[in-house]
Each structure stands twice: as structure tokens, then as C-alpha cells.
Amino acid sequence: MKLGDSTIDETDKYTYLGEVNNKNMNLKDQIKIIESKVEAAYQTLIAIAEDQNFKDIKMECVWKLVQT
């Protein structure tokens, strides 16, 4: 489809307001993206908790980091 000088191609999924929608209108693609973000946050938390400079910090401090 043409829109002015631009061509709009058909796609199976698109992002709208940060949410990924697919042609089936299910959350499968959105969940994949969220899973990778959660995994990245988890790995960051583990890296901070295992850092020698932070080894004596109590879990309360780690939870504060997670909540911010």
C-alpha cells in the first residue's frame, strides 16, 4: 500500500505504545520480550549480589535496588 511517497508493507506483528501485537492478537510475542527483560534484570541483580564489594550487604538493600 502506498502512503504518499512511502510504501507500507504487510507485517505479522507491530509495536503500539510499547506492546507487541501479532496478527493473532495473542500475547506470545509480548511475553518473549518481557521474559528477556526480566532475565536481564535478574542477571544484573545476581551480579550485584555476588560482587565482592557488596558481599556484606543484607538482602533488604538488594530488594530496595529491585524496587527502584
N, C-alpha and C. Protein backbone atom coordinates (compact mmCIF):
# COMPACT_ATOMS: atom_id res chain seq x y z
N MET A 1 0.85 -1.16 0.00
CA MET A 1 0.00 0.00 0.00
C MET A 1 0.91 1.24 0.00
N LYS A 2 0.54 2.24 -0.73
CA LYS A 2 1.29 3.47 -0.81
C LYS A 2 0.68 4.52 0.10
N LEU A 3 1.53 5.25 0.79
CA LEU A 3 1.11 6.38 1.62
C LEU A 3 2.04 7.53 1.27
N GLY A 4 1.60 8.36 0.36
CA GLY A 4 2.47 9.41 -0.15
C GLY A 4 3.59 8.77 -0.94
N ASP A 5 4.83 9.12 -0.59
CA ASP A 5 5.99 8.53 -1.25
C ASP A 5 6.43 7.23 -0.59
N SER A 6 5.86 6.90 0.55
CA SER A 6 6.26 5.71 1.30
C SER A 6 5.39 4.51 0.95
N THR A 7 6.01 3.34 1.05
CA THR A 7 5.29 2.09 0.86
C THR A 7 5.13 1.42 2.22
N ILE A 8 3.92 1.02 2.54
CA ILE A 8 3.65 0.32 3.79
C ILE A 8 3.51 -1.16 3.48
N ASP A 9 4.42 -1.95 4.07
CA ASP A 9 4.41 -3.40 3.85
C ASP A 9 3.55 -4.09 4.90
N GLU A 10 2.98 -5.22 4.51
CA GLU A 10 2.20 -6.03 5.43
C GLU A 10 3.15 -6.70 6.42
N THR A 11 2.73 -6.82 7.66
CA THR A 11 3.57 -7.44 8.69
C THR A 11 2.74 -8.35 9.58
N ASP A 12 3.42 -9.27 10.25
CA ASP A 12 2.73 -10.20 11.16
C ASP A 12 2.61 -9.63 12.56
N LYS A 13 3.47 -8.65 12.90
CA LYS A 13 3.40 -8.06 14.24
C LYS A 13 3.83 -6.60 14.18
N TYR A 14 3.38 -5.85 15.17
CA TYR A 14 3.73 -4.45 15.26
C TYR A 14 3.77 -4.05 16.73
N THR A 15 4.42 -2.93 17.00
CA THR A 15 4.51 -2.42 18.37
C THR A 15 3.65 -1.17 18.47
N TYR A 16 2.82 -1.13 19.49
CA TYR A 16 1.97 0.02 19.74
C TYR A 16 2.03 0.35 21.22
N LEU A 17 2.49 1.55 21.53
CA LEU A 17 2.63 2.00 22.92
C LEU A 17 3.46 1.02 23.75
N GLY A 18 4.52 0.47 23.14
CA GLY A 18 5.42 -0.42 23.86
C GLY A 18 4.95 -1.86 23.96
N GLU A 19 3.80 -2.16 23.43
CA GLU A 19 3.28 -3.53 23.48
C GLU A 19 3.33 -4.13 22.09
N VAL A 20 3.82 -5.37 22.01
CA VAL A 20 3.93 -6.05 20.72
C VAL A 20 2.64 -6.82 20.48
N ASN A 21 2.03 -6.55 19.34
CA ASN A 21 0.81 -7.25 18.94
C ASN A 21 1.12 -8.05 17.69
N ASN A 22 0.53 -9.23 17.58
CA ASN A 22 0.72 -10.02 16.37
C ASN A 22 -0.62 -10.20 15.67
N LYS A 23 -0.57 -10.83 14.50
CA LYS A 23 -1.80 -10.95 13.70
C LYS A 23 -2.87 -11.79 14.39
N ASN A 24 -2.47 -12.65 15.35
CA ASN A 24 -3.44 -13.46 16.08
C ASN A 24 -3.98 -12.75 17.32
N MET A 25 -3.43 -11.57 17.61
CA MET A 25 -3.82 -10.77 18.78
C MET A 25 -3.67 -11.54 20.09
N ASN A 26 -2.61 -12.36 20.18
CA ASN A 26 -2.30 -13.01 21.45
C ASN A 26 -1.02 -12.39 22.00
N LEU A 27 -0.64 -12.77 23.19
CA LEU A 27 0.49 -12.15 23.88
C LEU A 27 1.81 -12.91 23.72
N LYS A 28 1.86 -13.86 22.82
CA LYS A 28 3.04 -14.71 22.68
C LYS A 28 4.32 -13.89 22.43
N ASP A 29 4.30 -12.96 21.50
CA ASP A 29 5.48 -12.15 21.20
C ASP A 29 5.79 -11.18 22.33
N GLN A 30 4.76 -10.62 22.95
CA GLN A 30 4.95 -9.69 24.07
C GLN A 30 5.61 -10.41 25.25
N ILE A 31 5.18 -11.63 25.51
CA ILE A 31 5.75 -12.41 26.62
C ILE A 31 7.22 -12.71 26.37
N LYS A 32 7.60 -13.01 25.13
CA LYS A 32 9.00 -13.26 24.80
C LYS A 32 9.86 -12.03 25.14
N ILE A 33 9.36 -10.86 24.80
CA ILE A 33 10.11 -9.63 25.07
C ILE A 33 10.21 -9.38 26.57
N ILE A 34 9.12 -9.58 27.27
CA ILE A 34 9.12 -9.36 28.72
C ILE A 34 10.06 -10.37 29.40
N GLU A 35 10.05 -11.62 28.94
CA GLU A 35 10.94 -12.63 29.52
C GLU A 35 12.39 -12.21 29.40
N SER A 36 12.79 -11.65 28.26
CA SER A 36 14.18 -11.25 28.10
C SER A 36 14.52 -10.07 28.99
N LYS A 37 13.58 -9.16 29.19
CA LYS A 37 13.81 -8.03 30.09
C LYS A 37 13.93 -8.49 31.54
N VAL A 38 13.10 -9.43 31.94
CA VAL A 38 13.14 -9.97 33.30
C VAL A 38 14.45 -10.71 33.52
N GLU A 39 14.87 -11.49 32.54
CA GLU A 39 16.13 -12.22 32.65
C GLU A 39 17.31 -11.26 32.79
N ALA A 40 17.30 -10.17 32.03
CA ALA A 40 18.37 -9.18 32.13
C ALA A 40 18.39 -8.53 33.51
N ALA A 41 17.23 -8.21 34.04
CA ALA A 41 17.16 -7.62 35.38
C ALA A 41 17.65 -8.61 36.43
N TYR A 42 17.27 -9.87 36.28
CA TYR A 42 17.70 -10.91 37.21
C TYR A 42 19.22 -11.07 37.18
N GLN A 43 19.81 -11.11 35.99
CA GLN A 43 21.25 -11.26 35.87
C GLN A 43 21.98 -10.06 36.48
N THR A 44 21.43 -8.87 36.33
CA THR A 44 22.02 -7.68 36.95
C THR A 44 21.97 -7.79 38.47
N LEU A 45 20.85 -8.24 38.99
CA LEU A 45 20.70 -8.42 40.43
C LEU A 45 21.70 -9.44 40.96
N ILE A 46 21.85 -10.55 40.26
CA ILE A 46 22.80 -11.58 40.68
C ILE A 46 24.23 -11.02 40.65
N ALA A 47 24.56 -10.27 39.63
CA ALA A 47 25.90 -9.69 39.53
C ALA A 47 26.17 -8.73 40.69
N ILE A 48 25.18 -7.94 41.06
CA ILE A 48 25.34 -7.00 42.18
C ILE A 48 25.47 -7.77 43.50
N ALA A 49 24.62 -8.78 43.69
CA ALA A 49 24.62 -9.52 44.94
C ALA A 49 25.90 -10.33 45.14
N GLU A 50 26.52 -10.76 44.05
CA GLU A 50 27.74 -11.56 44.16
C GLU A 50 29.02 -10.73 44.10
N ASP A 51 28.90 -9.45 43.86
CA ASP A 51 30.07 -8.57 43.78
C ASP A 51 30.77 -8.53 45.14
N GLN A 52 32.08 -8.68 45.15
CA GLN A 52 32.85 -8.70 46.40
C GLN A 52 32.69 -7.40 47.20
N ASN A 53 32.50 -6.30 46.52
CA ASN A 53 32.32 -5.02 47.22
C ASN A 53 30.99 -4.97 47.97
N PHE A 54 30.04 -5.78 47.52
CA PHE A 54 28.71 -5.77 48.13
C PHE A 54 28.40 -7.04 48.92
N LYS A 55 29.39 -7.89 49.14
CA LYS A 55 29.10 -9.21 49.71
C LYS A 55 28.47 -9.15 51.10
N ASP A 56 28.70 -8.08 51.86
CA ASP A 56 28.13 -8.00 53.20
C ASP A 56 26.80 -7.23 53.26
N ILE A 57 26.32 -6.82 52.13
CA ILE A 57 25.03 -6.11 52.12
C ILE A 57 23.92 -7.12 52.39
N LYS A 58 22.98 -6.74 53.20
CA LYS A 58 21.85 -7.63 53.50
C LYS A 58 20.85 -7.62 52.36
N MET A 59 20.00 -8.62 52.34
CA MET A 59 19.02 -8.77 51.27
C MET A 59 18.07 -7.57 51.20
N GLU A 60 17.86 -6.89 52.31
CA GLU A 60 16.98 -5.72 52.31
C GLU A 60 17.47 -4.68 51.31
N CYS A 61 18.76 -4.48 51.24
CA CYS A 61 19.32 -3.50 50.32
C CYS A 61 19.12 -3.94 48.88
N VAL A 62 19.28 -5.23 48.61
CA VAL A 62 19.07 -5.73 47.27
C VAL A 62 17.62 -5.52 46.86
N TRP A 63 16.68 -5.77 47.78
CA TRP A 63 15.27 -5.56 47.46
C TRP A 63 14.99 -4.10 47.15
N LYS A 64 15.65 -3.19 47.84
CA LYS A 64 15.48 -1.77 47.54
C LYS A 64 15.96 -1.45 46.14
N LEU A 65 17.05 -2.08 45.72
CA LEU A 65 17.53 -1.89 44.36
C LEU A 65 16.50 -2.39 43.35
N VAL A 66 15.91 -3.52 43.63
CA VAL A 66 14.92 -4.11 42.72
C VAL A 66 13.69 -3.21 42.60
N GLN A 67 13.28 -2.62 43.69
CA GLN A 67 12.06 -1.81 43.70
C GLN A 67 12.23 -0.45 43.04
N THR A 68 13.48 -0.01 42.83
CA THR A 68 13.69 1.30 42.21
C THR A 68 13.89 1.21 40.73
